[in-house]
Amino acid sequence: MHEYLLPIYSLSFLCIGGGNLVITGTGFGSSGATVNLGDAECEVLSQSNTQITCSLPPNDPGDFDLEVSVVDKGYADTR
């Protein structure tokens, strides 16, 4: 089985942060994920093999790259 991150086409949120981001894919494992939105870390609230949920951080207005990294599995980003 290949592990993958489903495409993220658009993400809108308030600059003050808050709210949750749900990332769907496969092969995430049950722990060890980090998620960054631009230079800000999105605190991981829960993680399963197919889903990661994180709390959106405050950020300046603009477009940001999203990076998901899982220990011993690798990473994916929107760059």
C-alpha atoms as a PDB file:
ATOM      1  CA  MET A   1       0.000   0.000   0.000  1.00  0.00           C
ATOM      2  CA  HIS A   2       1.267   3.461  -0.868  1.00  0.00           C
ATOM      3  CA  GLU A   3       0.954   6.246   1.664  1.00  0.00           C
ATOM      4  CA  TYR A   4      -0.403   9.542   0.442  1.00  0.00           C
ATOM      5  CA  LEU A   5      -1.765  12.927   1.410  1.00  0.00           C
ATOM      6  CA  LEU A   6      -4.968  13.940  -0.327  1.00  0.00           C
ATOM      7  CA  PRO A   7      -4.656  17.201  -2.300  1.00  0.00           C
ATOM      8  CA  ILE A   8      -5.371  20.469  -0.503  1.00  0.00           C
ATOM      9  CA  TYR A   9      -6.754  23.000  -2.945  1.00  0.00           C
ATOM     10  CA  SER A  10      -7.790  25.925  -0.784  1.00  0.00           C
ATOM     11  CA  LEU A  11      -7.746  26.799   2.884  1.00  0.00           C
ATOM     12  CA  SER A  12      -9.260  29.901   4.418  1.00  0.00           C
ATOM     13  CA  PHE A  13      -9.135  30.837   8.089  1.00  0.00           C
ATOM     14  CA  LEU A  14      -9.075  33.844  10.343  1.00  0.00           C
ATOM     15  CA  CYS A  15      -5.661  35.446  10.910  1.00  0.00           C
ATOM     16  CA  ILE A  16      -6.245  35.314  14.672  1.00  0.00           C
ATOM     17  CA  GLY A  17      -6.136  31.526  14.513  1.00  0.00           C
ATOM     18  CA  GLY A  18      -8.532  29.135  16.113  1.00  0.00           C
ATOM     19  CA  GLY A  19     -10.584  26.484  14.463  1.00  0.00           C
ATOM     20  CA  ASN A  20      -9.300  23.121  13.386  1.00  0.00           C
ATOM     21  CA  LEU A  21      -7.687  21.860  10.216  1.00  0.00           C
ATOM     22  CA  VAL A  22      -8.423  18.232   9.277  1.00  0.00           C
ATOM     23  CA  ILE A  23      -5.907  16.571   6.952  1.00  0.00           C
ATOM     24  CA  THR A  24      -6.933  13.306   5.300  1.00  0.00           C
ATOM     25  CA  GLY A  25      -4.710  10.680   3.718  1.00  0.00           C
ATOM     26  CA  THR A  26      -3.221   7.294   4.552  1.00  0.00           C
ATOM     27  CA  GLY A  27      -0.210   5.961   6.406  1.00  0.00           C
ATOM     28  CA  PHE A  28       0.040   8.713   9.040  1.00  0.00           C
ATOM     29  CA  GLY A  29       0.377   6.254  11.917  1.00  0.00           C
ATOM     30  CA  SER A  30      -0.998   7.007  15.368  1.00  0.00           C
ATOM     31  CA  SER A  31       1.600   9.521  16.616  1.00  0.00           C
ATOM     32  CA  GLY A  32       4.620  11.620  15.671  1.00  0.00           C
ATOM     33  CA  ALA A  33       3.043  14.119  13.252  1.00  0.00           C
ATOM     34  CA  THR A  34       3.908  17.804  13.011  1.00  0.00           C
ATOM     35  CA  VAL A  35       1.978  20.268  10.864  1.00  0.00           C
ATOM     36  CA  ASN A  36       3.225  23.719   9.841  1.00  0.00           C
ATOM     37  CA  LEU A  37       1.270  26.445   8.106  1.00  0.00           C
ATOM     38  CA  GLY A  38       3.883  28.857   6.818  1.00  0.00           C
ATOM     39  CA  ASP A  39       6.315  29.386   9.704  1.00  0.00           C
ATOM     40  CA  ALA A  40       3.681  28.683  12.369  1.00  0.00           C
ATOM     41  CA  GLU A  41       3.102  25.269  13.907  1.00  0.00           C
ATOM     42  CA  CYS A  42      -0.429  23.890  13.816  1.00  0.00           C
ATOM     43  CA  GLU A  43      -0.738  22.012  17.147  1.00  0.00           C
ATOM     44  CA  VAL A  44      -1.724  18.387  16.495  1.00  0.00           C
ATOM     45  CA  LEU A  45      -4.838  17.547  18.519  1.00  0.00           C
ATOM     46  CA  SER A  46      -5.383  14.021  17.224  1.00  0.00           C
ATOM     47  CA  GLN A  47      -3.821  11.616  14.755  1.00  0.00           C
ATOM     48  CA  SER A  48      -4.868   8.319  13.205  1.00  0.00           C
ATOM     49  CA  ASN A  49      -3.607   6.339  10.244  1.00  0.00           C
ATOM     50  CA  THR A  50      -5.989   8.258   7.939  1.00  0.00           C
ATOM     51  CA  GLN A  51      -6.493  11.677   9.584  1.00  0.00           C
ATOM     52  CA  ILE A  52      -4.633  14.440  11.423  1.00  0.00           C
ATOM     53  CA  THR A  53      -6.503  17.237  13.201  1.00  0.00           C
ATOM     54  CA  CYS A  54      -4.640  20.349  14.331  1.00  0.00           C
ATOM     55  CA  SER A  55      -5.498  23.718  15.871  1.00  0.00           C
ATOM     56  CA  LEU A  56      -4.921  26.577  13.425  1.00  0.00           C
ATOM     57  CA  PRO A  57      -2.286  29.057  14.636  1.00  0.00           C
ATOM     58  CA  PRO A  58      -2.489  32.858  14.406  1.00  0.00           C
ATOM     59  CA  ASN A  59      -0.796  34.123  11.248  1.00  0.00           C
ATOM     60  CA  ASP A  60      -0.465  37.225   9.095  1.00  0.00           C
ATOM     61  CA  PRO A  61      -2.841  37.552   6.128  1.00  0.00           C
ATOM     62  CA  GLY A  62      -1.582  35.810   2.996  1.00  0.00           C
ATOM     63  CA  ASP A  63      -0.928  32.498   1.303  1.00  0.00           C
ATOM     64  CA  PHE A  64       1.096  29.864   3.140  1.00  0.00           C
ATOM     65  CA  ASP A  65       2.594  26.484   2.398  1.00  0.00           C
ATOM     66  CA  LEU A  66       1.258  23.570   4.426  1.00  0.00           C
ATOM     67  CA  GLU A  67       3.750  20.916   5.532  1.00  0.00           C
ATOM     68  CA  VAL A  68       2.905  17.619   7.210  1.00  0.00           C
ATOM     69  CA  SER A  69       5.741  15.560   8.659  1.00  0.00           C
ATOM     70  CA  VAL A  70       5.459  12.178  10.382  1.00  0.00           C
ATOM     71  CA  VAL A  71       8.392  10.629  12.259  1.00  0.00           C
ATOM     72  CA  ASP A  72       9.843   7.647  10.355  1.00  0.00           C
ATOM     73  CA  LYS A  73       7.358   8.183   7.477  1.00  0.00           C
ATOM     74  CA  GLY A  74       8.466  11.395   5.721  1.00  0.00           C
ATOM     75  CA  TYR A  75       6.636  14.568   4.797  1.00  0.00           C
ATOM     76  CA  ALA A  76       4.325  16.167   2.246  1.00  0.00           C
ATOM     77  CA  ASP A  77       3.821  19.844   1.456  1.00  0.00           C
ATOM     78  CA  THR A  78       1.886  22.186  -0.826  1.00  0.00           C
ATOM     79  CA  ARG A  79       4.967  23.854  -2.296  1.00  0.00           C
END
